[in-house]
Amino acid sequence: ATPEQIYQLALEARTEGNYAAMLDYLRRAARSGDRPARELLASVLMAGPALYGKAVRADYCEAAYWMRLSATQGSVVGRHQLLLLN
């Protein structure tokens, strides 16, 4: 599967409320360089329990990592996320 297809699987898992699978797919796509996956993964890790309940814990360090990587790919979202985090 391509990173884009894996990202789509993450979106489907989120819609189904399967947040463990969503995180797994997002990390796989993000590690493969998919910019939208990096942006969404950073957002998910920032919001954590506020949006996803106990299924997703907030992890600001990992979120910052994905924000930086997406920003280096030219992501306006990644740069904005970094500004919010700082």
PDB file of N, CA and C in Angstrom:
ATOM      1  N   ALA A   1       0.844  -1.192   0.000  1.00  0.00           N
ATOM      2  CA  ALA A   1       0.000   0.000   0.000  1.00  0.00           C
ATOM      3  C   ALA A   1       0.883   1.246   0.000  1.00  0.00           C
ATOM      4  N   THR A   2       0.428   2.270  -0.664  1.00  0.00           N
ATOM      5  CA  THR A   2       1.165   3.530  -0.708  1.00  0.00           C
ATOM      6  C   THR A   2       0.905   4.307   0.585  1.00  0.00           C
ATOM      7  N   PRO A   3       1.759   5.283   0.913  1.00  0.00           N
ATOM      8  CA  PRO A   3       1.507   6.112   2.091  1.00  0.00           C
ATOM      9  C   PRO A   3       0.141   6.805   2.037  1.00  0.00           C
ATOM     10  N   GLU A   4      -0.271   7.205   0.840  1.00  0.00           N
ATOM     11  CA  GLU A   4      -1.563   7.863   0.697  1.00  0.00           C
ATOM     12  C   GLU A   4      -2.714   6.906   1.018  1.00  0.00           C
ATOM     13  N   GLN A   5      -2.586   5.657   0.598  1.00  0.00           N
ATOM     14  CA  GLN A   5      -3.609   4.657   0.900  1.00  0.00           C
ATOM     15  C   GLN A   5      -3.659   4.357   2.396  1.00  0.00           C
ATOM     16  N   ILE A   6      -2.500   4.298   3.011  1.00  0.00           N
ATOM     17  CA  ILE A   6      -2.438   4.059   4.457  1.00  0.00           C
ATOM     18  C   ILE A   6      -3.079   5.231   5.198  1.00  0.00           C
ATOM     19  N   TYR A   7      -2.846   6.438   4.711  1.00  0.00           N
ATOM     20  CA  TYR A   7      -3.478   7.617   5.311  1.00  0.00           C
ATOM     21  C   TYR A   7      -5.001   7.511   5.204  1.00  0.00           C
ATOM     22  N   GLN A   8      -5.493   7.067   4.072  1.00  0.00           N
ATOM     23  CA  GLN A   8      -6.935   6.898   3.899  1.00  0.00           C
ATOM     24  C   GLN A   8      -7.489   5.855   4.876  1.00  0.00           C
ATOM     25  N   LEU A   9      -6.721   4.796   5.124  1.00  0.00           N
ATOM     26  CA  LEU A   9      -7.135   3.799   6.116  1.00  0.00           C
ATOM     27  C   LEU A   9      -7.221   4.427   7.504  1.00  0.00           C
ATOM     28  N   ALA A  10      -6.305   5.351   7.793  1.00  0.00           N
ATOM     29  CA  ALA A  10      -6.337   6.052   9.079  1.00  0.00           C
ATOM     30  C   ALA A  10      -7.607   6.874   9.211  1.00  0.00           C
ATOM     31  N   LEU A  11      -7.987   7.543   8.132  1.00  0.00           N
ATOM     32  CA  LEU A  11      -9.217   8.342   8.161  1.00  0.00           C
ATOM     33  C   LEU A  11     -10.442   7.464   8.363  1.00  0.00           C
ATOM     34  N   GLU A  12     -10.447   6.309   7.721  1.00  0.00           N
ATOM     35  CA  GLU A  12     -11.560   5.376   7.894  1.00  0.00           C
ATOM     36  C   GLU A  12     -11.615   4.867   9.339  1.00  0.00           C
ATOM     37  N   ALA A  13     -10.468   4.539   9.911  1.00  0.00           N
ATOM     38  CA  ALA A  13     -10.422   4.061  11.286  1.00  0.00           C
ATOM     39  C   ALA A  13     -10.925   5.138  12.241  1.00  0.00           C
ATOM     40  N   ARG A  14     -10.573   6.400  11.979  1.00  0.00           N
ATOM     41  CA  ARG A  14     -11.048   7.499  12.824  1.00  0.00           C
ATOM     42  C   ARG A  14     -12.564   7.605  12.749  1.00  0.00           C
ATOM     43  N   THR A  15     -13.111   7.497  11.549  1.00  0.00           N
ATOM     44  CA  THR A  15     -14.559   7.556  11.366  1.00  0.00           C
ATOM     45  C   THR A  15     -15.256   6.432  12.131  1.00  0.00           C
ATOM     46  N   GLU A  16     -14.622   5.267  12.163  1.00  0.00           N
ATOM     47  CA  GLU A  16     -15.195   4.108  12.854  1.00  0.00           C
ATOM     48  C   GLU A  16     -14.957   4.153  14.364  1.00  0.00           C
ATOM     49  N   GLY A  17     -14.176   5.137  14.830  1.00  0.00           N
ATOM     50  CA  GLY A  17     -13.865   5.223  16.253  1.00  0.00           C
ATOM     51  C   GLY A  17     -12.792   4.262  16.708  1.00  0.00           C
ATOM     52  N   ASN A  18     -12.052   3.692  15.765  1.00  0.00           N
ATOM     53  CA  ASN A  18     -10.967   2.779  16.088  1.00  0.00           C
ATOM     54  C   ASN A  18      -9.670   3.581  16.156  1.00  0.00           C
ATOM     55  N   TYR A  19      -9.453   4.238  17.284  1.00  0.00           N
ATOM     56  CA  TYR A  19      -8.354   5.185  17.407  1.00  0.00           C
ATOM     57  C   TYR A  19      -6.986   4.516  17.489  1.00  0.00           C
ATOM     58  N   ALA A  20      -6.928   3.295  18.004  1.00  0.00           N
ATOM     59  CA  ALA A  20      -5.650   2.580  18.024  1.00  0.00           C
ATOM     60  C   ALA A  20      -5.184   2.317  16.591  1.00  0.00           C
ATOM     61  N   ALA A  21      -6.096   1.860  15.753  1.00  0.00           N
ATOM     62  CA  ALA A  21      -5.758   1.619  14.347  1.00  0.00           C
ATOM     63  C   ALA A  21      -5.432   2.931  13.652  1.00  0.00           C
ATOM     64  N   MET A  22      -6.196   3.982  13.959  1.00  0.00           N
ATOM     65  CA  MET A  22      -5.937   5.291  13.363  1.00  0.00           C
ATOM     66  C   MET A  22      -4.503   5.727  13.641  1.00  0.00           C
ATOM     67  N   LEU A  23      -4.080   5.616  14.892  1.00  0.00           N
ATOM     68  CA  LEU A  23      -2.717   6.015  15.250  1.00  0.00           C
ATOM     69  C   LEU A  23      -1.679   5.158  14.540  1.00  0.00           C
ATOM     70  N   ASP A  24      -1.928   3.873  14.471  1.00  0.00           N
ATOM     71  CA  ASP A  24      -0.998   2.975  13.787  1.00  0.00           C
ATOM     72  C   ASP A  24      -0.854   3.363  12.320  1.00  0.00           C
ATOM     73  N   TYR A  25      -1.979   3.549  11.647  1.00  0.00           N
ATOM     74  CA  TYR A  25      -1.932   3.933  10.235  1.00  0.00           C
ATOM     75  C   TYR A  25      -1.284   5.303  10.040  1.00  0.00           C
ATOM     76  N   LEU A  26      -1.620   6.252  10.902  1.00  0.00           N
ATOM     77  CA  LEU A  26      -1.024   7.584  10.769  1.00  0.00           C
ATOM     78  C   LEU A  26       0.484   7.532  10.934  1.00  0.00           C
ATOM     79  N   ARG A  27       0.948   6.790  11.921  1.00  0.00           N
ATOM     80  CA  ARG A  27       2.402   6.679  12.127  1.00  0.00           C
ATOM     81  C   ARG A  27       3.076   6.001  10.939  1.00  0.00           C
ATOM     82  N   ARG A  28       2.450   4.964  10.404  1.00  0.00           N
ATOM     83  CA  ARG A  28       3.029   4.284   9.240  1.00  0.00           C
ATOM     84  C   ARG A  28       3.124   5.230   8.048  1.00  0.00           C
ATOM     85  N   ALA A  29       2.052   5.950   7.768  1.00  0.00           N
ATOM     86  CA  ALA A  29       2.057   6.878   6.634  1.00  0.00           C
ATOM     87  C   ALA A  29       3.019   8.035   6.887  1.00  0.00           C
ATOM     88  N   ALA A  30       3.054   8.536   8.111  1.00  0.00           N
ATOM     89  CA  ALA A  30       3.942   9.656   8.449  1.00  0.00           C
ATOM     90  C   ALA A  30       5.403   9.247   8.307  1.00  0.00           C
ATOM     91  N   ARG A  31       5.744   8.046   8.773  1.00  0.00           N
ATOM     92  CA  ARG A  31       7.130   7.566   8.629  1.00  0.00           C
ATOM     93  C   ARG A  31       7.520   7.416   7.162  1.00  0.00           C
ATOM     94  N   SER A  32       6.528   7.193   6.314  1.00  0.00           N
ATOM     95  CA  SER A  32       6.792   7.056   4.871  1.00  0.00           C
ATOM     96  C   SER A  32       6.837   8.402   4.160  1.00  0.00           C
ATOM     97  N   GLY A  33       6.630   9.493   4.909  1.00  0.00           N
ATOM     98  CA  GLY A  33       6.764  10.821   4.337  1.00  0.00           C
ATOM     99  C   GLY A  33       5.475  11.493   3.903  1.00  0.00           C
ATOM    100  N   ASP A  34       4.333  10.915   4.216  1.00  0.00           N
ATOM    101  CA  ASP A  34       3.064  11.508   3.806  1.00  0.00           C
ATOM    102  C   ASP A  34       2.779  12.757   4.645  1.00  0.00           C
ATOM    103  N   ARG A  35       2.794  13.919   4.000  1.00  0.00           N
ATOM    104  CA  ARG A  35       2.623  15.187   4.717  1.00  0.00           C
ATOM    105  C   ARG A  35       1.270  15.312   5.409  1.00  0.00           C
ATOM    106  N   PRO A  36       0.151  14.999   4.749  1.00  0.00           N
ATOM    107  CA  PRO A  36      -1.124  15.086   5.471  1.00  0.00           C
ATOM    108  C   PRO A  36      -1.175  14.178   6.701  1.00  0.00           C
ATOM    109  N   ALA A  37      -0.561  13.010   6.618  1.00  0.00           N
ATOM    110  CA  ALA A  37      -0.521  12.105   7.776  1.00  0.00           C
ATOM    111  C   ALA A  37       0.286  12.727   8.900  1.00  0.00           C
ATOM    112  N   ARG A  38       1.389  13.368   8.569  1.00  0.00           N
ATOM    113  CA  ARG A  38       2.204  14.030   9.593  1.00  0.00           C
ATOM    114  C   ARG A  38       1.426  15.157  10.256  1.00  0.00           C
ATOM    115  N   GLU A  39       0.712  15.932   9.450  1.00  0.00           N
ATOM    116  CA  GLU A  39      -0.086  17.043   9.997  1.00  0.00           C
ATOM    117  C   GLU A  39      -1.182  16.532  10.924  1.00  0.00           C
ATOM    118  N   LEU A  40      -1.909  15.509  10.470  1.00  0.00           N
ATOM    119  CA  LEU A  40      -3.005  14.995  11.280  1.00  0.00           C
ATOM    120  C   LEU A  40      -2.480  14.294  12.526  1.00  0.00           C
ATOM    121  N   LEU A  41      -1.413  13.535  12.401  1.00  0.00           N
ATOM    122  CA  LEU A  41      -0.844  12.855  13.560  1.00  0.00           C
ATOM    123  C   LEU A  41      -0.432  13.869  14.619  1.00  0.00           C
ATOM    124  N   ALA A  42       0.193  14.945  14.205  1.00  0.00           N
ATOM    125  CA  ALA A  42       0.576  15.991  15.153  1.00  0.00           C
ATOM    126  C   ALA A  42      -0.655  16.565  15.846  1.00  0.00           C
ATOM    127  N   SER A  43      -1.707  16.811  15.084  1.00  0.00           N
ATOM    128  CA  SER A  43      -2.948  17.349  15.669  1.00  0.00           C
ATOM    129  C   SER A  43      -3.572  16.377  16.652  1.00  0.00           C
ATOM    130  N   VAL A  44      -3.614  15.111  16.282  1.00  0.00           N
ATOM    131  CA  VAL A  44      -4.196  14.086  17.151  1.00  0.00           C
ATOM    132  C   VAL A  44      -3.410  13.998  18.449  1.00  0.00           C
ATOM    133  N   LEU A  45      -2.090  14.018  18.348  1.00  0.00           N
ATOM    134  CA  LEU A  45      -1.258  13.918  19.541  1.00  0.00           C
ATOM    135  C   LEU A  45      -1.335  15.167  20.405  1.00  0.00           C
ATOM    136  N   MET A  46      -1.617  16.293  19.802  1.00  0.00           N
ATOM    137  CA  MET A  46      -1.809  17.528  20.586  1.00  0.00           C
ATOM    138  C   MET A  46      -3.145  17.495  21.315  1.00  0.00           C
ATOM    139  N   ALA A  47      -4.200  17.093  20.627  1.00  0.00           N
ATOM    140  CA  ALA A  47      -5.542  17.116  21.203  1.00  0.00           C
ATOM    141  C   ALA A  47      -5.749  15.968  22.180  1.00  0.00           C
ATOM    142  N   GLY A  48      -5.216  14.813  21.832  1.00  0.00           N
ATOM    143  CA  GLY A  48      -5.314  13.645  22.692  1.00  0.00           C
ATOM    144  C   GLY A  48      -6.694  13.406  23.262  1.00  0.00           C
ATOM    145  N   PRO A  49      -6.786  13.318  24.588  1.00  0.00           N
ATOM    146  CA  PRO A  49      -8.050  12.981  25.234  1.00  0.00           C
ATOM    147  C   PRO A  49      -9.152  14.018  25.029  1.00  0.00           C
ATOM    148  N   ALA A  50      -8.796  15.242  24.736  1.00  0.00           N
ATOM    149  CA  ALA A  50      -9.822  16.272  24.545  1.00  0.00           C
ATOM    150  C   ALA A  50     -10.759  15.911  23.395  1.00  0.00           C
ATOM    151  N   LEU A  51     -10.231  15.263  22.364  1.00  0.00           N
ATOM    152  CA  LEU A  51     -11.051  14.867  21.214  1.00  0.00           C
ATOM    153  C   LEU A  51     -11.338  13.379  21.139  1.00  0.00           C
ATOM    154  N   TYR A  52     -10.427  12.573  21.689  1.00  0.00           N
ATOM    155  CA  TYR A  52     -10.518  11.133  21.481  1.00  0.00           C
ATOM    156  C   TYR A  52     -10.707  10.337  22.771  1.00  0.00           C
ATOM    157  N   GLY A  53     -10.924  11.011  23.876  1.00  0.00           N
ATOM    158  CA  GLY A  53     -11.107  10.315  25.142  1.00  0.00           C
ATOM    159  C   GLY A  53      -9.832   9.617  25.580  1.00  0.00           C
ATOM    160  N   LYS A  54      -9.993   8.604  26.373  1.00  0.00           N
ATOM    161  CA  LYS A  54      -8.835   7.893  26.926  1.00  0.00           C
ATOM    162  C   LYS A  54      -8.096   7.057  25.885  1.00  0.00           C
ATOM    163  N   ALA A  55      -8.661   6.939  24.706  1.00  0.00           N
ATOM    164  CA  ALA A  55      -8.048   6.109  23.664  1.00  0.00           C
ATOM    165  C   ALA A  55      -6.758   6.702  23.125  1.00  0.00           C
ATOM    166  N   VAL A  56      -6.594   8.021  23.245  1.00  0.00           N
ATOM    167  CA  VAL A  56      -5.394   8.680  22.715  1.00  0.00           C
ATOM    168  C   VAL A  56      -4.847   9.618  23.779  1.00  0.00           C
ATOM    169  N   ARG A  57      -3.632   9.364  24.196  1.00  0.00           N
ATOM    170  CA  ARG A  57      -3.028  10.266  25.168  1.00  0.00           C
ATOM    171  C   ARG A  57      -2.260  11.360  24.422  1.00  0.00           C
ATOM    172  N   ALA A  58      -2.255  12.529  25.002  1.00  0.00           N
ATOM    173  CA  ALA A  58      -1.510  13.642  24.410  1.00  0.00           C
ATOM    174  C   ALA A  58      -0.017  13.369  24.546  1.00  0.00           C
ATOM    175  N   ASP A  59       0.730  13.687  23.510  1.00  0.00           N
ATOM    176  CA  ASP A  59       2.184  13.528  23.525  1.00  0.00           C
ATOM    177  C   ASP A  59       2.769  14.708  22.753  1.00  0.00           C
ATOM    178  N   TYR A  60       3.072  15.766  23.488  1.00  0.00           N
ATOM    179  CA  TYR A  60       3.550  17.002  22.854  1.00  0.00           C
ATOM    180  C   TYR A  60       4.917  16.839  22.203  1.00  0.00           C
ATOM    181  N   CYS A  61       5.756  15.982  22.765  1.00  0.00           N
ATOM    182  CA  CYS A  61       7.081  15.778  22.169  1.00  0.00           C
ATOM    183  C   CYS A  61       6.975  15.098  20.805  1.00  0.00           C
ATOM    184  N   GLU A  62       6.176  14.035  20.742  1.00  0.00           N
ATOM    185  CA  GLU A  62       6.008  13.365  19.454  1.00  0.00           C
ATOM    186  C   GLU A  62       5.267  14.267  18.474  1.00  0.00           C
ATOM    187  N   ALA A  63       4.295  15.014  18.980  1.00  0.00           N
ATOM    188  CA  ALA A  63       3.563  15.944  18.114  1.00  0.00           C
ATOM    189  C   ALA A  63       4.518  16.960  17.493  1.00  0.00           C
ATOM    190  N   ALA A  64       5.412  17.510  18.303  1.00  0.00           N
ATOM    191  CA  ALA A  64       6.375  18.501  17.804  1.00  0.00           C
ATOM    192  C   ALA A  64       7.279  17.890  16.730  1.00  0.00           C
ATOM    193  N   TYR A  65       7.653  16.648  16.917  1.00  0.00           N
ATOM    194  CA  TYR A  65       8.487  15.955  15.933  1.00  0.00           C
ATOM    195  C   TYR A  65       7.798  15.931  14.568  1.00  0.00           C
ATOM    196  N   TRP A  66       6.519  15.527  14.552  1.00  0.00           N
ATOM    197  CA  TRP A  66       5.798  15.447  13.287  1.00  0.00           C
ATOM    198  C   TRP A  66       5.510  16.836  12.728  1.00  0.00           C
ATOM    199  N   MET A  67       5.291  17.807  13.600  1.00  0.00           N
ATOM    200  CA  MET A  67       5.089  19.189  13.145  1.00  0.00           C
ATOM    201  C   MET A  67       6.322  19.697  12.407  1.00  0.00           C
ATOM    202  N   ARG A  68       7.485  19.463  13.004  1.00  0.00           N
ATOM    203  CA  ARG A  68       8.734  19.927  12.388  1.00  0.00           C
ATOM    204  C   ARG A  68       8.941  19.268  11.026  1.00  0.00           C
ATOM    205  N   LEU A  69       8.703  17.964  10.970  1.00  0.00           N
ATOM    206  CA  LEU A  69       8.894  17.271   9.692  1.00  0.00           C
ATOM    207  C   LEU A  69       7.941  17.792   8.627  1.00  0.00           C
ATOM    208  N   SER A  70       6.688  18.005   8.982  1.00  0.00           N
ATOM    209  CA  SER A  70       5.746  18.513   7.973  1.00  0.00           C
ATOM    210  C   SER A  70       6.108  19.941   7.579  1.00  0.00           C
ATOM    211  N   ALA A  71       6.568  20.742   8.534  1.00  0.00           N
ATOM    212  CA  ALA A  71       6.978  22.114   8.225  1.00  0.00           C
ATOM    213  C   ALA A  71       8.162  22.118   7.251  1.00  0.00           C
ATOM    214  N   THR A  72       9.080  21.179   7.419  1.00  0.00           N
ATOM    215  CA  THR A  72      10.221  21.121   6.493  1.00  0.00           C
ATOM    216  C   THR A  72       9.787  20.693   5.096  1.00  0.00           C
ATOM    217  N   GLN A  73       8.606  20.102   4.994  1.00  0.00           N
ATOM    218  CA  GLN A  73       8.045  19.735   3.682  1.00  0.00           C
ATOM    219  C   GLN A  73       7.249  20.894   3.088  1.00  0.00           C
ATOM    220  N   GLY A  74       7.256  22.034   3.748  1.00  0.00           N
ATOM    221  CA  GLY A  74       6.543  23.195   3.241  1.00  0.00           C
ATOM    222  C   GLY A  74       5.127  23.330   3.758  1.00  0.00           C
ATOM    223  N   SER A  75       4.795  22.579   4.781  1.00  0.00           N
ATOM    224  CA  SER A  75       3.438  22.596   5.316  1.00  0.00           C
ATOM    225  C   SER A  75       3.157  23.865   6.111  1.00  0.00           C
ATOM    226  N   VAL A  76       2.161  24.611   5.668  1.00  0.00           N
ATOM    227  CA  VAL A  76       1.691  25.779   6.413  1.00  0.00           C
ATOM    228  C   VAL A  76       1.052  25.317   7.719  1.00  0.00           C
ATOM    229  N   VAL A  77       0.343  24.198   7.660  1.00  0.00           N
ATOM    230  CA  VAL A  77      -0.285  23.633   8.856  1.00  0.00           C
ATOM    231  C   VAL A  77       0.784  23.295   9.895  1.00  0.00           C
ATOM    232  N   GLY A  78       1.846  22.643   9.472  1.00  0.00           N
ATOM    233  CA  GLY A  78       2.934  22.287  10.383  1.00  0.00           C
ATOM    234  C   GLY A  78       3.562  23.509  11.036  1.00  0.00           C
ATOM    235  N   ARG A  79       3.778  24.557  10.255  1.00  0.00           N
ATOM    236  CA  ARG A  79       4.350  25.789  10.819  1.00  0.00           C
ATOM    237  C   ARG A  79       3.389  26.416  11.818  1.00  0.00           C
ATOM    238  N   HIS A  80       2.102  26.433  11.488  1.00  0.00           N
ATOM    239  CA  HIS A  80       1.092  26.990  12.394  1.00  0.00           C
ATOM    240  C   HIS A  80       1.022  26.163  13.679  1.00  0.00           C
ATOM    241  N   GLN A  81       1.058  24.855  13.557  1.00  0.00           N
ATOM    242  CA  GLN A  81       1.031  23.992  14.733  1.00  0.00           C
ATOM    243  C   GLN A  81       2.210  24.290  15.653  1.00  0.00           C
ATOM    244  N   LEU A  82       3.385  24.468  15.061  1.00  0.00           N
ATOM    245  CA  LEU A  82       4.570  24.787  15.871  1.00  0.00           C
ATOM    246  C   LEU A  82       4.410  26.102  16.606  1.00  0.00           C
ATOM    247  N   LEU A  83       3.825  27.092  15.955  1.00  0.00           N
ATOM    248  CA  LEU A  83       3.580  28.369  16.616  1.00  0.00           C
ATOM    249  C   LEU A  83       2.635  28.189  17.804  1.00  0.00           C
ATOM    250  N   LEU A  84       1.595  27.393  17.635  1.00  0.00           N
ATOM    251  CA  LEU A  84       0.657  27.142  18.726  1.00  0.00           C
ATOM    252  C   LEU A  84       1.327  26.394  19.873  1.00  0.00           C
ATOM    253  N   LEU A  85       2.177  25.436  19.537  1.00  0.00           N
ATOM    254  CA  LEU A  85       2.839  24.651  20.566  1.00  0.00           C
ATOM    255  C   LEU A  85       3.819  25.487  21.359  1.00  0.00           C
ATOM    256  N   ASN A  86       4.489  26.397  20.674  1.00  0.00           N
ATOM    257  CA  ASN A  86       5.475  27.228  21.370  1.00  0.00           C
ATOM    258  C   ASN A  86       4.764  28.322  22.118  1.00  0.00           C
TER     259      ASN A  86
END
